[in-house]
Structures are given as C-alpha cells and as structure tokens.
N, C-alpha and C. Protein backbone atom coordinates (compact mmCIF):
# COMPACT_ATOMS: atom_id res chain seq x y z
N MET A 1 61.57 120.47 130.22
CA MET A 1 60.75 121.30 131.05
C MET A 1 59.63 121.92 130.20
N ARG A 2 58.42 121.89 130.71
CA ARG A 2 57.28 122.44 129.99
C ARG A 2 57.31 123.95 130.02
N PRO A 3 56.90 124.55 128.89
CA PRO A 3 56.85 126.02 128.88
C PRO A 3 55.73 126.53 129.79
N ARG A 4 55.90 127.72 130.31
CA ARG A 4 54.88 128.38 131.12
C ARG A 4 54.01 129.21 130.19
N VAL A 5 52.72 128.93 130.20
CA VAL A 5 51.77 129.63 129.34
C VAL A 5 50.76 130.31 130.26
N ASP A 6 50.64 131.62 130.17
CA ASP A 6 49.83 132.40 131.10
C ASP A 6 48.38 131.94 131.22
N TRP A 7 47.74 131.59 130.13
CA TRP A 7 46.32 131.25 130.17
C TRP A 7 46.05 129.82 130.64
N MET A 8 47.08 129.00 130.70
CA MET A 8 46.86 127.60 131.09
C MET A 8 46.73 127.45 132.60
N THR A 9 45.94 126.46 132.99
CA THR A 9 45.74 126.15 134.40
C THR A 9 46.39 124.81 134.73
N GLN A 10 46.52 124.55 136.02
CA GLN A 10 47.02 123.24 136.44
C GLN A 10 46.08 122.15 135.95
N GLY A 11 44.80 122.44 135.94
CA GLY A 11 43.81 121.48 135.44
C GLY A 11 44.03 121.14 133.98
N ASP A 12 44.46 122.11 133.18
CA ASP A 12 44.74 121.84 131.77
C ASP A 12 45.83 120.78 131.63
N GLU A 13 46.86 120.93 132.41
CA GLU A 13 47.95 119.94 132.36
C GLU A 13 47.47 118.59 132.84
N ARG A 14 46.65 118.55 133.86
CA ARG A 14 46.13 117.26 134.35
C ARG A 14 45.25 116.59 133.31
N ILE A 15 44.45 117.37 132.59
CA ILE A 15 43.61 116.82 131.52
C ILE A 15 44.49 116.19 130.45
N MET A 16 45.49 116.95 129.99
CA MET A 16 46.38 116.43 128.95
C MET A 16 47.18 115.23 129.43
N GLU A 17 47.67 115.29 130.66
CA GLU A 17 48.44 114.17 131.21
C GLU A 17 47.59 112.90 131.26
N PHE A 18 46.33 113.03 131.68
CA PHE A 18 45.46 111.86 131.74
C PHE A 18 45.31 111.23 130.36
N LEU A 19 44.99 112.04 129.36
CA LEU A 19 44.81 111.50 128.01
C LEU A 19 46.11 110.93 127.45
N TYR A 20 47.23 111.55 127.76
CA TYR A 20 48.54 111.10 127.29
C TYR A 20 48.94 109.78 127.95
N GLU A 21 48.83 109.73 129.26
CA GLU A 21 49.25 108.54 130.00
C GLU A 21 48.38 107.34 129.70
N LYS A 22 47.08 107.55 129.57
CA LYS A 22 46.15 106.44 129.31
C LYS A 22 46.08 106.09 127.83
N ASP A 23 46.53 107.02 126.97
CA ASP A 23 46.50 106.83 125.52
C ASP A 23 45.09 106.43 125.06
N ILE A 24 44.11 107.26 125.47
CA ILE A 24 42.72 106.98 125.14
C ILE A 24 42.02 108.22 124.59
N VAL A 25 40.86 107.96 124.03
CA VAL A 25 39.90 108.99 123.66
C VAL A 25 38.87 108.98 124.78
N ALA A 26 38.54 110.15 125.33
CA ALA A 26 37.63 110.17 126.48
C ALA A 26 36.76 111.42 126.47
N SER A 27 35.62 111.30 127.13
CA SER A 27 34.71 112.43 127.29
C SER A 27 35.13 113.25 128.51
N PRO A 28 34.69 114.50 128.57
CA PRO A 28 34.99 115.31 129.74
C PRO A 28 34.52 114.66 131.05
N SER A 29 33.39 113.96 131.03
CA SER A 29 32.92 113.33 132.26
C SER A 29 33.85 112.21 132.72
N VAL A 30 34.39 111.45 131.79
CA VAL A 30 35.35 110.40 132.15
C VAL A 30 36.64 111.02 132.67
N ILE A 31 37.11 112.04 131.98
CA ILE A 31 38.33 112.72 132.42
C ILE A 31 38.12 113.30 133.83
N ALA A 32 36.99 114.00 134.02
CA ALA A 32 36.70 114.64 135.31
C ALA A 32 36.68 113.62 136.44
N ALA A 33 36.07 112.48 136.21
CA ALA A 33 35.98 111.44 137.25
C ALA A 33 37.35 110.91 137.65
N ASN A 34 38.29 110.98 136.72
CA ASN A 34 39.62 110.43 136.99
C ASN A 34 40.64 111.44 137.51
N ILE A 35 40.36 112.73 137.35
CA ILE A 35 41.32 113.74 137.83
C ILE A 35 40.73 114.65 138.90
N ASN A 36 39.54 114.33 139.36
CA ASN A 36 38.89 115.04 140.47
C ASN A 36 38.63 116.52 140.21
N TYR A 37 38.14 116.81 139.02
CA TYR A 37 37.62 118.14 138.67
C TYR A 37 36.18 117.95 138.24
N THR A 38 35.40 119.02 138.20
CA THR A 38 34.01 118.89 137.79
C THR A 38 33.92 118.69 136.28
N ASN A 39 32.84 118.05 135.87
CA ASN A 39 32.59 117.82 134.46
C ASN A 39 32.50 119.15 133.71
N GLU A 40 31.82 120.12 134.29
CA GLU A 40 31.68 121.43 133.66
C GLU A 40 33.04 122.08 133.42
N TYR A 41 33.90 122.04 134.43
CA TYR A 41 35.23 122.64 134.32
C TYR A 41 36.03 121.94 133.23
N VAL A 42 36.05 120.60 133.26
CA VAL A 42 36.84 119.84 132.28
C VAL A 42 36.30 120.08 130.87
N SER A 43 35.01 120.12 130.72
CA SER A 43 34.41 120.37 129.41
C SER A 43 34.84 121.73 128.86
N ARG A 44 34.80 122.75 129.69
CA ARG A 44 35.21 124.10 129.30
C ARG A 44 36.70 124.13 128.91
N ARG A 45 37.52 123.49 129.72
CA ARG A 45 38.96 123.50 129.46
C ARG A 45 39.31 122.66 128.22
N CYS A 46 38.59 121.57 127.99
CA CYS A 46 38.84 120.77 126.78
C CYS A 46 38.58 121.60 125.53
N ARG A 47 37.53 122.41 125.55
CA ARG A 47 37.26 123.28 124.41
C ARG A 47 38.41 124.27 124.21
N LYS A 48 38.89 124.82 125.30
CA LYS A 48 40.01 125.77 125.25
C LYS A 48 41.27 125.10 124.71
N LEU A 49 41.56 123.92 125.20
CA LEU A 49 42.75 123.18 124.76
C LEU A 49 42.62 122.77 123.29
N THR A 50 41.41 122.48 122.85
CA THR A 50 41.18 122.16 121.44
C THR A 50 41.44 123.39 120.57
N ASP A 51 40.96 124.54 121.02
CA ASP A 51 41.21 125.79 120.28
C ASP A 51 42.70 126.06 120.14
N ALA A 52 43.48 125.66 121.11
CA ALA A 52 44.93 125.87 121.10
C ALA A 52 45.68 124.79 120.33
N GLY A 53 44.97 123.75 119.88
CA GLY A 53 45.63 122.68 119.13
C GLY A 53 46.24 121.60 119.98
N LEU A 54 46.00 121.64 121.29
CA LEU A 54 46.58 120.65 122.20
C LEU A 54 45.74 119.39 122.32
N LEU A 55 44.44 119.53 122.12
CA LEU A 55 43.52 118.40 122.08
C LEU A 55 42.79 118.42 120.76
N GLN A 56 42.21 117.27 120.41
CA GLN A 56 41.39 117.16 119.21
C GLN A 56 40.05 116.57 119.61
N ARG A 57 38.99 117.18 119.14
CA ARG A 57 37.65 116.64 119.38
C ARG A 57 37.40 115.59 118.31
N VAL A 58 37.16 114.34 118.73
CA VAL A 58 37.01 113.26 117.76
C VAL A 58 35.57 112.98 117.39
N ASP A 59 34.63 113.39 118.23
CA ASP A 59 33.21 113.31 117.92
C ASP A 59 32.48 114.27 118.85
N ALA A 60 31.19 114.13 118.96
CA ALA A 60 30.40 115.10 119.72
C ALA A 60 30.80 115.22 121.18
N SER A 61 31.40 114.19 121.76
CA SER A 61 31.68 114.25 123.20
C SER A 61 33.03 113.69 123.63
N ASN A 62 33.93 113.41 122.72
CA ASN A 62 35.20 112.79 123.10
C ASN A 62 36.40 113.56 122.54
N TYR A 63 37.48 113.51 123.33
CA TYR A 63 38.71 114.21 122.98
C TYR A 63 39.90 113.27 123.05
N ARG A 64 40.95 113.64 122.31
CA ARG A 64 42.25 112.96 122.40
C ARG A 64 43.32 114.03 122.38
N ILE A 65 44.47 113.68 122.90
CA ILE A 65 45.60 114.61 122.87
C ILE A 65 46.21 114.59 121.46
N THR A 66 46.65 115.74 121.00
CA THR A 66 47.29 115.83 119.68
C THR A 66 48.80 115.62 119.83
N SER A 67 49.46 115.48 118.69
CA SER A 67 50.92 115.35 118.75
C SER A 67 51.53 116.65 119.29
N PHE A 68 50.91 117.78 119.00
CA PHE A 68 51.37 119.06 119.56
C PHE A 68 51.21 119.05 121.08
N GLY A 69 50.09 118.52 121.58
CA GLY A 69 49.87 118.39 123.02
C GLY A 69 50.90 117.48 123.67
N GLU A 70 51.23 116.41 122.98
CA GLU A 70 52.25 115.50 123.51
C GLU A 70 53.60 116.19 123.59
N ARG A 71 53.94 116.95 122.55
CA ARG A 71 55.21 117.68 122.56
C ARG A 71 55.23 118.72 123.68
N PHE A 72 54.08 119.36 123.93
CA PHE A 72 54.00 120.31 125.04
C PHE A 72 54.32 119.61 126.36
N LEU A 73 53.68 118.46 126.61
CA LEU A 73 53.92 117.74 127.85
C LEU A 73 55.36 117.27 127.97
N GLU A 74 55.96 116.93 126.85
CA GLU A 74 57.34 116.46 126.85
C GLU A 74 58.34 117.62 126.95
N GLY A 75 57.84 118.85 126.85
CA GLY A 75 58.71 120.02 126.98
C GLY A 75 59.48 120.36 125.72
N THR A 76 59.00 119.90 124.57
CA THR A 76 59.72 120.16 123.32
C THR A 76 59.04 121.23 122.47
N THR A 77 58.14 122.01 123.07
CA THR A 77 57.53 123.16 122.40
C THR A 77 57.88 124.41 123.19
N SER A 78 57.56 125.54 122.63
CA SER A 78 57.81 126.79 123.34
C SER A 78 56.50 127.49 123.64
N ALA A 79 56.53 128.38 124.61
CA ALA A 79 55.34 129.16 124.95
C ALA A 79 54.90 130.00 123.77
N GLU A 80 55.83 130.43 122.94
CA GLU A 80 55.48 131.26 121.78
C GLU A 80 54.58 130.51 120.82
N GLU A 81 54.70 129.19 120.75
CA GLU A 81 53.84 128.41 119.86
C GLU A 81 52.37 128.48 120.32
N LEU A 82 52.16 128.79 121.58
CA LEU A 82 50.79 128.92 122.11
C LEU A 82 50.41 130.37 122.36
N GLU A 83 51.30 131.28 122.04
CA GLU A 83 51.05 132.69 122.30
C GLU A 83 49.79 133.17 121.57
N GLY A 84 49.03 133.99 122.25
CA GLY A 84 47.82 134.52 121.65
C GLY A 84 46.60 133.67 121.93
N GLU A 85 46.77 132.47 122.45
CA GLU A 85 45.63 131.63 122.83
C GLU A 85 45.20 132.03 124.21
N ASN A 86 43.94 132.37 124.38
CA ASN A 86 43.46 132.68 125.72
C ASN A 86 41.98 132.56 125.82
C-alpha cells in the first residue's frame, strides 16, 4: 500500500505511474497527452516530484522515474521519507 503524503495529488501518482508502466523518459507534454492533464499542470508537478526525489530530470525537457519513485509506487517507502516536501 502506498503511503499517504499530504502534498501529493492524484495527478502526481498518475504521472509516476505513466513513467513507471511505460518505462520511458518523457516530456511533460507527452505525459500530459497520455494522462489527460494539462501540460502546464504536469510540468509544475514534475518539478515538484523531482524536488522530492521521485523523478529525475534527464535533460532540459524530459523526466524519468527514480528508484525511490518506483519504491513509492510499490508501497515500500514511508510517508516520513517524503516528509517536509511541499
């Protein structure tokens, strides 16, 4: 079971799930087109998730999920590991 983190949104989980399931590096616009959120929203949330260590920015416009992000999705991390991120 995934930990509940106060600052995270349902969109954050959808972003991470997309990158995890597809096992790809993608831009916010590609992610947005596939999960039905706006590019602006996904871009903002990708930056937030990167700050938390859940995503990694691989170049100027592309992201990938980190091993920490994968563990979060698999439910093997705790909310305390993300505490203080907001």
